[in-house]
């Protein structure tokens, strides 16, 4: 019997999550190549922690844990969280963040499909507010680092918080381009002078530009596979480019260019992998545009005028709050009926 032409194959949750994981692999490989193996160790810790907490939560809720573990949602939360924090973050930091991501942000709201806030970003936000110092210890690119952490040294530092004898933290870490930009601007240095620092590349941070390119490649794959639609990535990056472009045109000596803001921080990761979370994002086409444009605006305002160097997590969480209202306002009328505004 032939299938109806109106029936299309639907992706299951596990298939969708598998494709998202596949889309993240290029960035993970490039990250490890340019920054060392610490990110792989961090991803492993995050994966084991997230799956363990998922199993514990499902058991406490008297629900079958097997299906929840196999749907891949906890795995993607773990990977997005690990890619959002420093690769050399201590193990307990990863465990703490994922406790809030899986147990609090996901299961206290009823589990997958019921959570209001993006779980990975909740975990990140808790850590950046509660433990700001270790959250600023980003691994330096191998091309700029004074010392290179191999597998054993990276694992030793992550689990014991101690470096090999004779090594210093400054030798393996560096400030992010966004953090450096904020610091140097407060010292009244111009953008042109700041961009001459060794950590800056052609568009954003040296080495990080290639990771950003890998996120873009993965995002295009998700678009091709129709896992996400164009609305959120285009609106988020377009909004970020528009507002940063306005400030840049007004005063290019104090405000970085639009391509700098797109090519640094978590802009591409947020646009394609975080803001597009099907549970916590807006669902209508117009709603997605409004939701994502709001995130782009908040990212820039937090970066330039807020207390934190990057605003992806807080931008996403703040717009998660507005999603029910956005969806209600932008709900299309039923087929065959005119839209009635009240």
C-alpha atoms as a PDB file:
ATOM      1  CA  UNK A   1       0.000   0.000   0.000  1.00  0.00           C
ATOM      2  CA  UNK A   2       1.377   3.387  -0.963  1.00  0.00           C
ATOM      3  CA  UNK A   3       1.762   6.034   1.700  1.00  0.00           C
ATOM      4  CA  UNK A   4      -0.350   9.136   1.458  1.00  0.00           C
ATOM      5  CA  UNK A   5       1.483  12.085  -0.118  1.00  0.00           C
ATOM      6  CA  UNK A   6       0.571  14.104   2.977  1.00  0.00           C
ATOM      7  CA  UNK A   7       2.352  11.749   5.350  1.00  0.00           C
ATOM      8  CA  UNK A   8       6.003  12.537   5.980  1.00  0.00           C
ATOM      9  CA  UNK A   9       8.573  10.654   7.997  1.00  0.00           C
ATOM     10  CA  UNK A  10       8.971  12.125  11.477  1.00  0.00           C
ATOM     11  CA  UNK A  11      12.264  12.247  13.317  1.00  0.00           C
ATOM     12  CA  UNK A  12      12.187  10.699  16.770  1.00  0.00           C
ATOM     13  CA  UNK A  13      13.794  12.493  19.693  1.00  0.00           C
ATOM     14  CA  UNK A  14      16.733  10.091  19.638  1.00  0.00           C
ATOM     15  CA  UNK A  15      17.341  10.621  15.902  1.00  0.00           C
ATOM     16  CA  UNK A  16      17.203  14.400  16.309  1.00  0.00           C
ATOM     17  CA  UNK A  17      19.631  14.326  19.221  1.00  0.00           C
ATOM     18  CA  UNK A  18      21.956  11.999  17.329  1.00  0.00           C
ATOM     19  CA  UNK A  19      22.080  14.449  14.429  1.00  0.00           C
ATOM     20  CA  UNK A  20      22.741  17.353  16.810  1.00  0.00           C
ATOM     21  CA  UNK A  21      25.610  15.382  18.368  1.00  0.00           C
ATOM     22  CA  UNK A  22      26.977  14.656  14.909  1.00  0.00           C
ATOM     23  CA  UNK A  23      26.767  18.364  14.048  1.00  0.00           C
ATOM     24  CA  UNK A  24      28.822  19.217  17.145  1.00  0.00           C
ATOM     25  CA  UNK A  25      31.629  16.775  16.324  1.00  0.00           C
ATOM     26  CA  UNK A  26      33.538  19.067  13.902  1.00  0.00           C
ATOM     27  CA  UNK A  27      33.752  21.804  16.545  1.00  0.00           C
ATOM     28  CA  UNK A  28      34.846  19.315  19.212  1.00  0.00           C
ATOM     29  CA  UNK A  29      37.589  17.925  16.965  1.00  0.00           C
ATOM     30  CA  UNK A  30      38.844  21.403  16.039  1.00  0.00           C
ATOM     31  CA  UNK A  31      38.640  22.503  19.695  1.00  0.00           C
ATOM     32  CA  UNK A  32      40.791  19.550  20.831  1.00  0.00           C
ATOM     33  CA  UNK A  33      43.268  20.092  17.985  1.00  0.00           C
ATOM     34  CA  UNK A  34      43.762  23.793  18.754  1.00  0.00           C
ATOM     35  CA  UNK A  35      43.433  23.815  22.552  1.00  0.00           C
ATOM     36  CA  UNK A  36      44.500  20.339  23.652  1.00  0.00           C
ATOM     37  CA  UNK A  37      42.692  17.239  24.946  1.00  0.00           C
ATOM     38  CA  UNK A  38      41.198  18.845  28.072  1.00  0.00           C
ATOM     39  CA  UNK A  39      37.894  19.402  26.248  1.00  0.00           C
ATOM     40  CA  UNK A  40      37.578  15.657  25.574  1.00  0.00           C
ATOM     41  CA  UNK A  41      38.084  14.899  29.260  1.00  0.00           C
ATOM     42  CA  UNK A  42      35.547  17.571  30.191  1.00  0.00           C
ATOM     43  CA  UNK A  43      33.018  16.139  27.723  1.00  0.00           C
ATOM     44  CA  UNK A  44      33.484  12.659  29.181  1.00  0.00           C
ATOM     45  CA  UNK A  45      32.909  13.917  32.739  1.00  0.00           C
ATOM     46  CA  UNK A  46      29.858  15.863  31.601  1.00  0.00           C
ATOM     47  CA  UNK A  47      28.418  12.884  29.725  1.00  0.00           C
ATOM     48  CA  UNK A  48      28.793  10.459  32.625  1.00  0.00           C
ATOM     49  CA  UNK A  49      27.413  13.025  35.083  1.00  0.00           C
ATOM     50  CA  UNK A  50      24.399  13.963  32.962  1.00  0.00           C
ATOM     51  CA  UNK A  51      23.434  10.357  32.210  1.00  0.00           C
ATOM     52  CA  UNK A  52      23.829   9.383  35.881  1.00  0.00           C
ATOM     53  CA  UNK A  53      21.651  12.257  37.050  1.00  0.00           C
ATOM     54  CA  UNK A  54      19.087  11.498  34.362  1.00  0.00           C
ATOM     55  CA  UNK A  55      18.887   7.902  35.591  1.00  0.00           C
ATOM     56  CA  UNK A  56      18.626   8.998  39.242  1.00  0.00           C
ATOM     57  CA  UNK A  57      15.907  11.535  38.449  1.00  0.00           C
ATOM     58  CA  UNK A  58      13.845   9.052  36.433  1.00  0.00           C
ATOM     59  CA  UNK A  59      14.186   6.424  39.176  1.00  0.00           C
ATOM     60  CA  UNK A  60      13.042   8.882  41.851  1.00  0.00           C
ATOM     61  CA  UNK A  61      10.086   9.819  39.650  1.00  0.00           C
ATOM     62  CA  UNK A  62       9.277   6.109  39.253  1.00  0.00           C
ATOM     63  CA  UNK A  63       9.652   6.321  35.494  1.00  0.00           C
ATOM     64  CA  UNK A  64      11.617   3.958  33.222  1.00  0.00           C
ATOM     65  CA  UNK A  65      15.174   5.274  32.979  1.00  0.00           C
ATOM     66  CA  UNK A  66      16.198   3.313  29.904  1.00  0.00           C
ATOM     67  CA  UNK A  67      14.127   5.269  27.391  1.00  0.00           C
ATOM     68  CA  UNK A  68      15.215   8.601  28.886  1.00  0.00           C
ATOM     69  CA  UNK A  69      18.880   7.650  28.655  1.00  0.00           C
ATOM     70  CA  UNK A  70      18.538   6.514  25.065  1.00  0.00           C
ATOM     71  CA  UNK A  71      16.655   9.573  23.766  1.00  0.00           C
ATOM     72  CA  UNK A  72      19.894  11.580  23.778  1.00  0.00           C
ATOM     73  CA  UNK A  73      18.541  14.735  25.422  1.00  0.00           C
ATOM     74  CA  UNK A  74      20.779  14.404  28.494  1.00  0.00           C
ATOM     75  CA  UNK A  75      23.774  13.761  26.256  1.00  0.00           C
ATOM     76  CA  UNK A  76      23.208  16.942  24.244  1.00  0.00           C
ATOM     77  CA  UNK A  77      22.696  18.944  27.437  1.00  0.00           C
ATOM     78  CA  UNK A  78      26.022  17.601  28.699  1.00  0.00           C
ATOM     79  CA  UNK A  79      27.873  18.457  25.495  1.00  0.00           C
ATOM     80  CA  UNK A  80      26.435  21.957  25.178  1.00  0.00           C
ATOM     81  CA  UNK A  81      27.214  22.639  28.818  1.00  0.00           C
ATOM     82  CA  UNK A  82      30.791  21.342  28.522  1.00  0.00           C
ATOM     83  CA  UNK A  83      31.395  23.433  25.394  1.00  0.00           C
ATOM     84  CA  UNK A  84      30.119  26.531  27.199  1.00  0.00           C
ATOM     85  CA  UNK A  85      32.455  26.380  30.205  1.00  0.00           C
ATOM     86  CA  UNK A  86      36.275  26.352  30.347  1.00  0.00           C
ATOM     87  CA  UNK A  87      37.707  23.030  29.181  1.00  0.00           C
ATOM     88  CA  UNK A  88      39.979  22.846  32.232  1.00  0.00           C
ATOM     89  CA  UNK A  89      37.173  23.520  34.716  1.00  0.00           C
ATOM     90  CA  UNK A  90      37.506  21.348  37.851  1.00  0.00           C
ATOM     91  CA  UNK A  91      35.386  18.195  37.817  1.00  0.00           C
ATOM     92  CA  UNK A  92      33.208  19.384  40.689  1.00  0.00           C
ATOM     93  CA  UNK A  93      32.262  22.488  38.703  1.00  0.00           C
ATOM     94  CA  UNK A  94      30.941  20.310  35.877  1.00  0.00           C
ATOM     95  CA  UNK A  95      29.036  18.089  38.315  1.00  0.00           C
ATOM     96  CA  UNK A  96      27.492  21.098  40.079  1.00  0.00           C
ATOM     97  CA  UNK A  97      26.416  22.768  36.855  1.00  0.00           C
ATOM     98  CA  UNK A  98      24.846  19.606  35.478  1.00  0.00           C
ATOM     99  CA  UNK A  99      22.999  18.993  38.737  1.00  0.00           C
ATOM    100  CA  UNK A 100      21.191  22.277  38.202  1.00  0.00           C
ATOM    101  CA  UNK A 101      20.777  21.565  34.485  1.00  0.00           C
ATOM    102  CA  UNK A 102      19.345  18.036  34.727  1.00  0.00           C
ATOM    103  CA  UNK A 103      17.749  17.824  38.175  1.00  0.00           C
ATOM    104  CA  UNK A 104      16.551  21.394  38.732  1.00  0.00           C
ATOM    105  CA  UNK A 105      15.977  22.944  35.292  1.00  0.00           C
ATOM    106  CA  UNK A 106      14.699  19.773  33.619  1.00  0.00           C
ATOM    107  CA  UNK A 107      13.146  17.271  36.014  1.00  0.00           C
ATOM    108  CA  UNK A 108      11.720  19.626  38.637  1.00  0.00           C
ATOM    109  CA  UNK A 109       9.648  21.063  35.792  1.00  0.00           C
ATOM    110  CA  UNK A 110       8.405  17.649  34.719  1.00  0.00           C
ATOM    111  CA  UNK A 111      11.182  16.339  32.491  1.00  0.00           C
ATOM    112  CA  UNK A 112      11.792  16.584  28.759  1.00  0.00           C
ATOM    113  CA  UNK A 113       9.152  18.683  27.020  1.00  0.00           C
ATOM    114  CA  UNK A 114       8.011  20.490  30.169  1.00  0.00           C
ATOM    115  CA  UNK A 115      11.057  22.549  31.124  1.00  0.00           C
ATOM    116  CA  UNK A 116      10.696  26.299  30.707  1.00  0.00           C
ATOM    117  CA  UNK A 117      14.398  27.154  30.686  1.00  0.00           C
ATOM    118  CA  UNK A 118      17.248  25.766  28.595  1.00  0.00           C
ATOM    119  CA  UNK A 119      18.894  23.265  30.992  1.00  0.00           C
ATOM    120  CA  UNK A 120      22.486  23.736  29.799  1.00  0.00           C
ATOM    121  CA  UNK A 121      22.215  27.515  30.143  1.00  0.00           C
ATOM    122  CA  UNK A 122      20.735  27.229  33.629  1.00  0.00           C
ATOM    123  CA  UNK A 123      23.763  25.197  34.671  1.00  0.00           C
ATOM    124  CA  UNK A 124      26.106  27.734  33.089  1.00  0.00           C
ATOM    125  CA  UNK A 125      24.332  30.706  34.700  1.00  0.00           C
ATOM    126  CA  UNK A 126      24.509  29.139  38.169  1.00  0.00           C
ATOM    127  CA  UNK A 127      28.256  28.596  37.802  1.00  0.00           C
ATOM    128  CA  UNK A 128      29.153  32.008  36.387  1.00  0.00           C
ATOM    129  CA  UNK A 129      27.256  33.715  39.228  1.00  0.00           C
ATOM    130  CA  UNK A 130      28.410  31.391  42.024  1.00  0.00           C
ATOM    131  CA  UNK A 131      31.982  30.558  40.952  1.00  0.00           C
ATOM    132  CA  UNK A 132      33.205  33.412  38.731  1.00  0.00           C
ATOM    133  CA  UNK A 133      36.932  32.821  39.255  1.00  0.00           C
ATOM    134  CA  UNK A 134      37.270  29.229  37.926  1.00  0.00           C
ATOM    135  CA  UNK A 135      34.822  30.146  35.154  1.00  0.00           C
ATOM    136  CA  UNK A 136      37.386  32.617  33.808  1.00  0.00           C
ATOM    137  CA  UNK A 137      40.237  30.095  33.516  1.00  0.00           C
ATOM    138  CA  UNK A 138      39.992  29.396  29.798  1.00  0.00           C
ATOM    139  CA  UNK A 139      42.660  27.238  28.192  1.00  0.00           C
ATOM    140  CA  UNK A 140      44.977  29.209  25.920  1.00  0.00           C
ATOM    141  CA  UNK A 141      45.396  28.084  22.305  1.00  0.00           C
ATOM    142  CA  UNK A 142      48.377  25.778  21.957  1.00  0.00           C
ATOM    143  CA  UNK A 143      49.990  28.349  19.650  1.00  0.00           C
ATOM    144  CA  UNK A 144      49.958  30.924  22.462  1.00  0.00           C
ATOM    145  CA  UNK A 145      50.261  28.788  25.597  1.00  0.00           C
ATOM    146  CA  UNK A 146      53.516  28.741  27.496  1.00  0.00           C
ATOM    147  CA  UNK A 147      52.901  25.120  28.494  1.00  0.00           C
ATOM    148  CA  UNK A 148      50.844  22.444  26.742  1.00  0.00           C
ATOM    149  CA  UNK A 149      48.589  20.220  28.843  1.00  0.00           C
ATOM    150  CA  UNK A 150      48.660  16.669  27.524  1.00  0.00           C
ATOM    151  CA  UNK A 151      46.178  13.970  28.458  1.00  0.00           C
ATOM    152  CA  UNK A 152      47.695  13.070  31.813  1.00  0.00           C
ATOM    153  CA  UNK A 153      48.482  16.656  32.854  1.00  0.00           C
ATOM    154  CA  UNK A 154      45.008  17.857  31.846  1.00  0.00           C
ATOM    155  CA  UNK A 155      43.311  15.021  33.733  1.00  0.00           C
ATOM    156  CA  UNK A 156      45.504  15.626  36.769  1.00  0.00           C
ATOM    157  CA  UNK A 157      44.609  19.325  36.843  1.00  0.00           C
ATOM    158  CA  UNK A 158      40.866  18.769  36.269  1.00  0.00           C
ATOM    159  CA  UNK A 159      40.602  16.170  39.044  1.00  0.00           C
ATOM    160  CA  UNK A 160      43.113  17.576  41.555  1.00  0.00           C
ATOM    161  CA  UNK A 161      43.292  21.278  40.612  1.00  0.00           C
ATOM    162  CA  UNK A 162      47.113  21.051  40.692  1.00  0.00           C
ATOM    163  CA  UNK A 163      49.577  21.621  37.861  1.00  0.00           C
ATOM    164  CA  UNK A 164      52.872  19.772  37.357  1.00  0.00           C
ATOM    165  CA  UNK A 165      55.801  21.163  39.330  1.00  0.00           C
ATOM    166  CA  UNK A 166      57.172  24.352  37.819  1.00  0.00           C
ATOM    167  CA  UNK A 167      54.018  25.153  35.838  1.00  0.00           C
ATOM    168  CA  UNK A 168      51.840  28.197  36.474  1.00  0.00           C
ATOM    169  CA  UNK A 169      48.169  28.793  35.674  1.00  0.00           C
ATOM    170  CA  UNK A 170      49.087  31.803  33.550  1.00  0.00           C
ATOM    171  CA  UNK A 171      51.125  29.537  31.282  1.00  0.00           C
ATOM    172  CA  UNK A 172      48.132  27.429  30.250  1.00  0.00           C
ATOM    173  CA  UNK A 173      45.261  29.947  30.380  1.00  0.00           C
ATOM    174  CA  UNK A 174      44.338  33.212  28.728  1.00  0.00           C
ATOM    175  CA  UNK A 175      41.480  35.678  28.829  1.00  0.00           C
ATOM    176  CA  UNK A 176      38.853  35.359  26.124  1.00  0.00           C
ATOM    177  CA  UNK A 177      38.802  38.027  23.376  1.00  0.00           C
ATOM    178  CA  UNK A 178      35.542  39.407  24.782  1.00  0.00           C
ATOM    179  CA  UNK A 179      36.990  39.689  28.295  1.00  0.00           C
ATOM    180  CA  UNK A 180      40.174  41.267  26.944  1.00  0.00           C
ATOM    181  CA  UNK A 181      38.120  43.723  24.922  1.00  0.00           C
ATOM    182  CA  UNK A 182      36.187  44.877  27.992  1.00  0.00           C
ATOM    183  CA  UNK A 183      39.342  45.189  30.108  1.00  0.00           C
ATOM    184  CA  UNK A 184      41.318  47.090  27.487  1.00  0.00           C
ATOM    185  CA  UNK A 185      38.454  49.462  26.736  1.00  0.00           C
ATOM    186  CA  UNK A 186      38.281  50.363  30.431  1.00  0.00           C
ATOM    187  CA  UNK A 187      41.970  51.270  30.146  1.00  0.00           C
ATOM    188  CA  UNK A 188      40.989  53.677  27.339  1.00  0.00           C
ATOM    189  CA  UNK A 189      42.687  51.697  24.569  1.00  0.00           C
ATOM    190  CA  UNK A 190      41.197  51.909  21.098  1.00  0.00           C
ATOM    191  CA  UNK A 191      39.723  48.960  19.205  1.00  0.00           C
ATOM    192  CA  UNK A 192      42.512  49.212  16.608  1.00  0.00           C
ATOM    193  CA  UNK A 193      45.169  48.885  19.306  1.00  0.00           C
ATOM    194  CA  UNK A 194      43.350  46.077  21.108  1.00  0.00           C
ATOM    195  CA  UNK A 195      43.033  44.017  17.936  1.00  0.00           C
ATOM    196  CA  UNK A 196      46.825  44.047  17.555  1.00  0.00           C
ATOM    197  CA  UNK A 197      47.190  41.836  20.644  1.00  0.00           C
ATOM    198  CA  UNK A 198      48.470  38.300  19.894  1.00  0.00           C
ATOM    199  CA  UNK A 199      45.192  36.615  20.902  1.00  0.00           C
ATOM    200  CA  UNK A 200      43.204  38.358  18.162  1.00  0.00           C
ATOM    201  CA  UNK A 201      42.911  36.937  14.672  1.00  0.00           C
ATOM    202  CA  UNK A 202      41.310  38.232  11.500  1.00  0.00           C
ATOM    203  CA  UNK A 203      37.728  38.360  12.786  1.00  0.00           C
ATOM    204  CA  UNK A 204      37.779  37.313  16.442  1.00  0.00           C
ATOM    205  CA  UNK A 205      40.064  35.360  18.712  1.00  0.00           C
ATOM    206  CA  UNK A 206      42.986  33.475  17.207  1.00  0.00           C
ATOM    207  CA  UNK A 207      42.234  29.746  16.951  1.00  0.00           C
ATOM    208  CA  UNK A 208      38.699  30.342  18.189  1.00  0.00           C
ATOM    209  CA  UNK A 209      37.797  31.525  14.687  1.00  0.00           C
ATOM    210  CA  UNK A 210      38.252  27.965  13.444  1.00  0.00           C
ATOM    211  CA  UNK A 211      36.045  26.586  16.220  1.00  0.00           C
ATOM    212  CA  UNK A 212      33.379  29.143  15.284  1.00  0.00           C
ATOM    213  CA  UNK A 213      33.680  28.041  11.661  1.00  0.00           C
ATOM    214  CA  UNK A 214      33.096  24.448  12.761  1.00  0.00           C
ATOM    215  CA  UNK A 215      29.950  25.503  14.644  1.00  0.00           C
ATOM    216  CA  UNK A 216      28.749  27.187  11.450  1.00  0.00           C
ATOM    217  CA  UNK A 217      29.398  23.997   9.498  1.00  0.00           C
ATOM    218  CA  UNK A 218      27.432  21.978  12.044  1.00  0.00           C
ATOM    219  CA  UNK A 219      24.617  24.513  12.004  1.00  0.00           C
ATOM    220  CA  UNK A 220      24.334  24.327   8.223  1.00  0.00           C
ATOM    221  CA  UNK A 221      24.089  20.545   8.529  1.00  0.00           C
ATOM    222  CA  UNK A 222      21.180  20.925  10.972  1.00  0.00           C
ATOM    223  CA  UNK A 223      19.465  23.269   8.519  1.00  0.00           C
ATOM    224  CA  UNK A 224      19.990  20.805   5.676  1.00  0.00           C
ATOM    225  CA  UNK A 225      18.545  17.970   7.760  1.00  0.00           C
ATOM    226  CA  UNK A 226      15.622  20.214   8.788  1.00  0.00           C
ATOM    227  CA  UNK A 227      16.379  19.684  12.452  1.00  0.00           C
ATOM    228  CA  UNK A 228      16.161  23.459  12.848  1.00  0.00           C
ATOM    229  CA  UNK A 229      14.734  26.222  10.672  1.00  0.00           C
ATOM    230  CA  UNK A 230      16.496  29.349   9.489  1.00  0.00           C
ATOM    231  CA  UNK A 231      14.422  31.728  11.609  1.00  0.00           C
ATOM    232  CA  UNK A 232      16.332  31.602  14.910  1.00  0.00           C
ATOM    233  CA  UNK A 233      19.944  31.579  13.607  1.00  0.00           C
ATOM    234  CA  UNK A 234      19.257  34.340  11.072  1.00  0.00           C
ATOM    235  CA  UNK A 235      17.286  36.530  13.476  1.00  0.00           C
ATOM    236  CA  UNK A 236      19.774  36.099  16.343  1.00  0.00           C
ATOM    237  CA  UNK A 237      22.889  36.784  14.277  1.00  0.00           C
ATOM    238  CA  UNK A 238      21.121  39.491  12.280  1.00  0.00           C
ATOM    239  CA  UNK A 239      19.989  41.288  15.428  1.00  0.00           C
ATOM    240  CA  UNK A 240      23.466  41.015  16.951  1.00  0.00           C
ATOM    241  CA  UNK A 241      25.063  42.286  13.742  1.00  0.00           C
ATOM    242  CA  UNK A 242      22.592  45.153  13.425  1.00  0.00           C
ATOM    243  CA  UNK A 243      22.971  46.593  16.907  1.00  0.00           C
ATOM    244  CA  UNK A 244      26.749  46.085  17.012  1.00  0.00           C
ATOM    245  CA  UNK A 245      26.984  47.618  13.538  1.00  0.00           C
ATOM    246  CA  UNK A 246      25.117  50.745  14.643  1.00  0.00           C
ATOM    247  CA  UNK A 247      27.451  51.322  17.586  1.00  0.00           C
ATOM    248  CA  UNK A 248      30.486  50.503  15.444  1.00  0.00           C
ATOM    249  CA  UNK A 249      29.495  53.042  12.781  1.00  0.00           C
ATOM    250  CA  UNK A 250      28.931  55.698  15.438  1.00  0.00           C
ATOM    251  CA  UNK A 251      32.302  55.142  17.157  1.00  0.00           C
ATOM    252  CA  UNK A 252      34.591  52.451  15.683  1.00  0.00           C
ATOM    253  CA  UNK A 253      37.362  53.284  18.132  1.00  0.00           C
ATOM    254  CA  UNK A 254      35.297  52.151  21.147  1.00  0.00           C
ATOM    255  CA  UNK A 255      32.939  49.557  19.702  1.00  0.00           C
ATOM    256  CA  UNK A 256      33.975  46.368  17.936  1.00  0.00           C
ATOM    257  CA  UNK A 257      32.704  45.469  14.483  1.00  0.00           C
ATOM    258  CA  UNK A 258      29.677  43.215  13.854  1.00  0.00           C
ATOM    259  CA  UNK A 259      31.834  40.379  12.526  1.00  0.00           C
ATOM    260  CA  UNK A 260      33.905  40.460  15.719  1.00  0.00           C
ATOM    261  CA  UNK A 261      30.792  39.897  17.832  1.00  0.00           C
ATOM    262  CA  UNK A 262      29.595  37.104  15.564  1.00  0.00           C
ATOM    263  CA  UNK A 263      33.001  35.378  15.433  1.00  0.00           C
ATOM    264  CA  UNK A 264      33.698  35.468  19.182  1.00  0.00           C
ATOM    265  CA  UNK A 265      32.180  34.030  22.320  1.00  0.00           C
ATOM    266  CA  UNK A 266      29.191  31.751  22.059  1.00  0.00           C
ATOM    267  CA  UNK A 267      27.396  33.556  19.229  1.00  0.00           C
ATOM    268  CA  UNK A 268      27.438  30.714  16.683  1.00  0.00           C
ATOM    269  CA  UNK A 269      27.016  27.975  19.289  1.00  0.00           C
ATOM    270  CA  UNK A 270      24.064  29.883  20.699  1.00  0.00           C
ATOM    271  CA  UNK A 271      22.489  30.673  17.336  1.00  0.00           C
ATOM    272  CA  UNK A 272      22.501  27.133  15.944  1.00  0.00           C
ATOM    273  CA  UNK A 273      22.558  24.808  18.959  1.00  0.00           C
ATOM    274  CA  UNK A 274      21.320  26.556  22.117  1.00  0.00           C
ATOM    275  CA  UNK A 275      18.643  29.081  21.160  1.00  0.00           C
ATOM    276  CA  UNK A 276      17.090  26.509  18.791  1.00  0.00           C
ATOM    277  CA  UNK A 277      16.193  24.103  21.610  1.00  0.00           C
ATOM    278  CA  UNK A 278      12.734  22.905  20.483  1.00  0.00           C
ATOM    279  CA  UNK A 279      11.357  22.745  24.025  1.00  0.00           C
ATOM    280  CA  UNK A 280      12.264  26.209  25.305  1.00  0.00           C
ATOM    281  CA  UNK A 281      12.293  28.246  22.071  1.00  0.00           C
ATOM    282  CA  UNK A 282       9.340  29.944  20.410  1.00  0.00           C
ATOM    283  CA  UNK A 283       7.439  27.685  18.027  1.00  0.00           C
ATOM    284  CA  UNK A 284       5.681  29.945  15.508  1.00  0.00           C
ATOM    285  CA  UNK A 285       7.646  31.377  12.556  1.00  0.00           C
ATOM    286  CA  UNK A 286       7.097  35.004  13.604  1.00  0.00           C
ATOM    287  CA  UNK A 287       7.624  34.072  17.218  1.00  0.00           C
ATOM    288  CA  UNK A 288      11.001  32.533  16.430  1.00  0.00           C
ATOM    289  CA  UNK A 289      12.106  35.766  14.760  1.00  0.00           C
ATOM    290  CA  UNK A 290      11.042  37.884  17.754  1.00  0.00           C
ATOM    291  CA  UNK A 291      12.518  35.442  20.271  1.00  0.00           C
ATOM    292  CA  UNK A 292      15.885  35.199  18.512  1.00  0.00           C
ATOM    293  CA  UNK A 293      16.130  38.913  17.772  1.00  0.00           C
ATOM    294  CA  UNK A 294      15.627  39.557  21.478  1.00  0.00           C
ATOM    295  CA  UNK A 295      18.460  37.173  22.320  1.00  0.00           C
ATOM    296  CA  UNK A 296      20.798  38.902  19.869  1.00  0.00           C
ATOM    297  CA  UNK A 297      19.958  42.292  21.372  1.00  0.00           C
ATOM    298  CA  UNK A 298      20.508  41.036  24.933  1.00  0.00           C
ATOM    299  CA  UNK A 299      23.818  39.388  24.007  1.00  0.00           C
ATOM    300  CA  UNK A 300      25.207  42.696  22.818  1.00  0.00           C
ATOM    301  CA  UNK A 301      23.859  44.762  25.717  1.00  0.00           C
ATOM    302  CA  UNK A 302      25.285  42.330  28.277  1.00  0.00           C
ATOM    303  CA  UNK A 303      28.640  42.136  26.496  1.00  0.00           C
ATOM    304  CA  UNK A 304      29.091  45.877  26.251  1.00  0.00           C
ATOM    305  CA  UNK A 305      27.227  47.253  29.256  1.00  0.00           C
ATOM    306  CA  UNK A 306      26.629  44.323  31.599  1.00  0.00           C
ATOM    307  CA  UNK A 307      28.707  42.601  34.245  1.00  0.00           C
ATOM    308  CA  UNK A 308      29.693  39.565  32.149  1.00  0.00           C
ATOM    309  CA  UNK A 309      31.855  39.336  29.024  1.00  0.00           C
ATOM    310  CA  UNK A 310      29.374  37.133  27.136  1.00  0.00           C
ATOM    311  CA  UNK A 311      25.602  37.244  27.284  1.00  0.00           C
ATOM    312  CA  UNK A 312      24.431  34.163  25.399  1.00  0.00           C
ATOM    313  CA  UNK A 313      23.250  32.230  28.460  1.00  0.00           C
ATOM    314  CA  UNK A 314      21.435  35.140  30.067  1.00  0.00           C
ATOM    315  CA  UNK A 315      19.994  36.271  26.743  1.00  0.00           C
ATOM    316  CA  UNK A 316      18.545  32.813  26.117  1.00  0.00           C
ATOM    317  CA  UNK A 317      17.175  32.433  29.653  1.00  0.00           C
ATOM    318  CA  UNK A 318      15.554  35.874  29.664  1.00  0.00           C
ATOM    319  CA  UNK A 319      13.860  35.226  26.340  1.00  0.00           C
ATOM    320  CA  UNK A 320      12.773  31.757  27.553  1.00  0.00           C
ATOM    321  CA  UNK A 321      10.605  33.628  30.049  1.00  0.00           C
ATOM    322  CA  UNK A 322       8.900  35.498  27.217  1.00  0.00           C
ATOM    323  CA  UNK A 323       8.264  32.458  24.987  1.00  0.00           C
ATOM    324  CA  UNK A 324       4.672  31.713  26.165  1.00  0.00           C
ATOM    325  CA  UNK A 325       3.647  35.327  25.533  1.00  0.00           C
ATOM    326  CA  UNK A 326       5.458  35.455  22.170  1.00  0.00           C
ATOM    327  CA  UNK A 327       3.782  32.247  21.015  1.00  0.00           C
ATOM    328  CA  UNK A 328       0.377  33.501  22.135  1.00  0.00           C
ATOM    329  CA  UNK A 329       0.805  36.779  20.252  1.00  0.00           C
ATOM    330  CA  UNK A 330       2.113  35.197  17.066  1.00  0.00           C
ATOM    331  CA  UNK A 331      -0.181  32.177  16.807  1.00  0.00           C
ATOM    332  CA  UNK A 332      -1.426  31.996  13.202  1.00  0.00           C
ATOM    333  CA  UNK A 333      -5.195  31.806  12.675  1.00  0.00           C
ATOM    334  CA  UNK A 334      -6.800  28.427  11.894  1.00  0.00           C
ATOM    335  CA  UNK A 335      -6.852  27.504   8.235  1.00  0.00           C
ATOM    336  CA  UNK A 336      -9.687  29.264   6.443  1.00  0.00           C
ATOM    337  CA  UNK A 337     -10.175  31.919   9.115  1.00  0.00           C
ATOM    338  CA  UNK A 338      -9.068  35.535   9.137  1.00  0.00           C
ATOM    339  CA  UNK A 339      -6.756  36.739  11.862  1.00  0.00           C
ATOM    340  CA  UNK A 340      -8.634  38.731  14.483  1.00  0.00           C
ATOM    341  CA  UNK A 341      -6.604  41.032  16.713  1.00  0.00           C
ATOM    342  CA  UNK A 342      -7.958  42.104  20.056  1.00  0.00           C
END
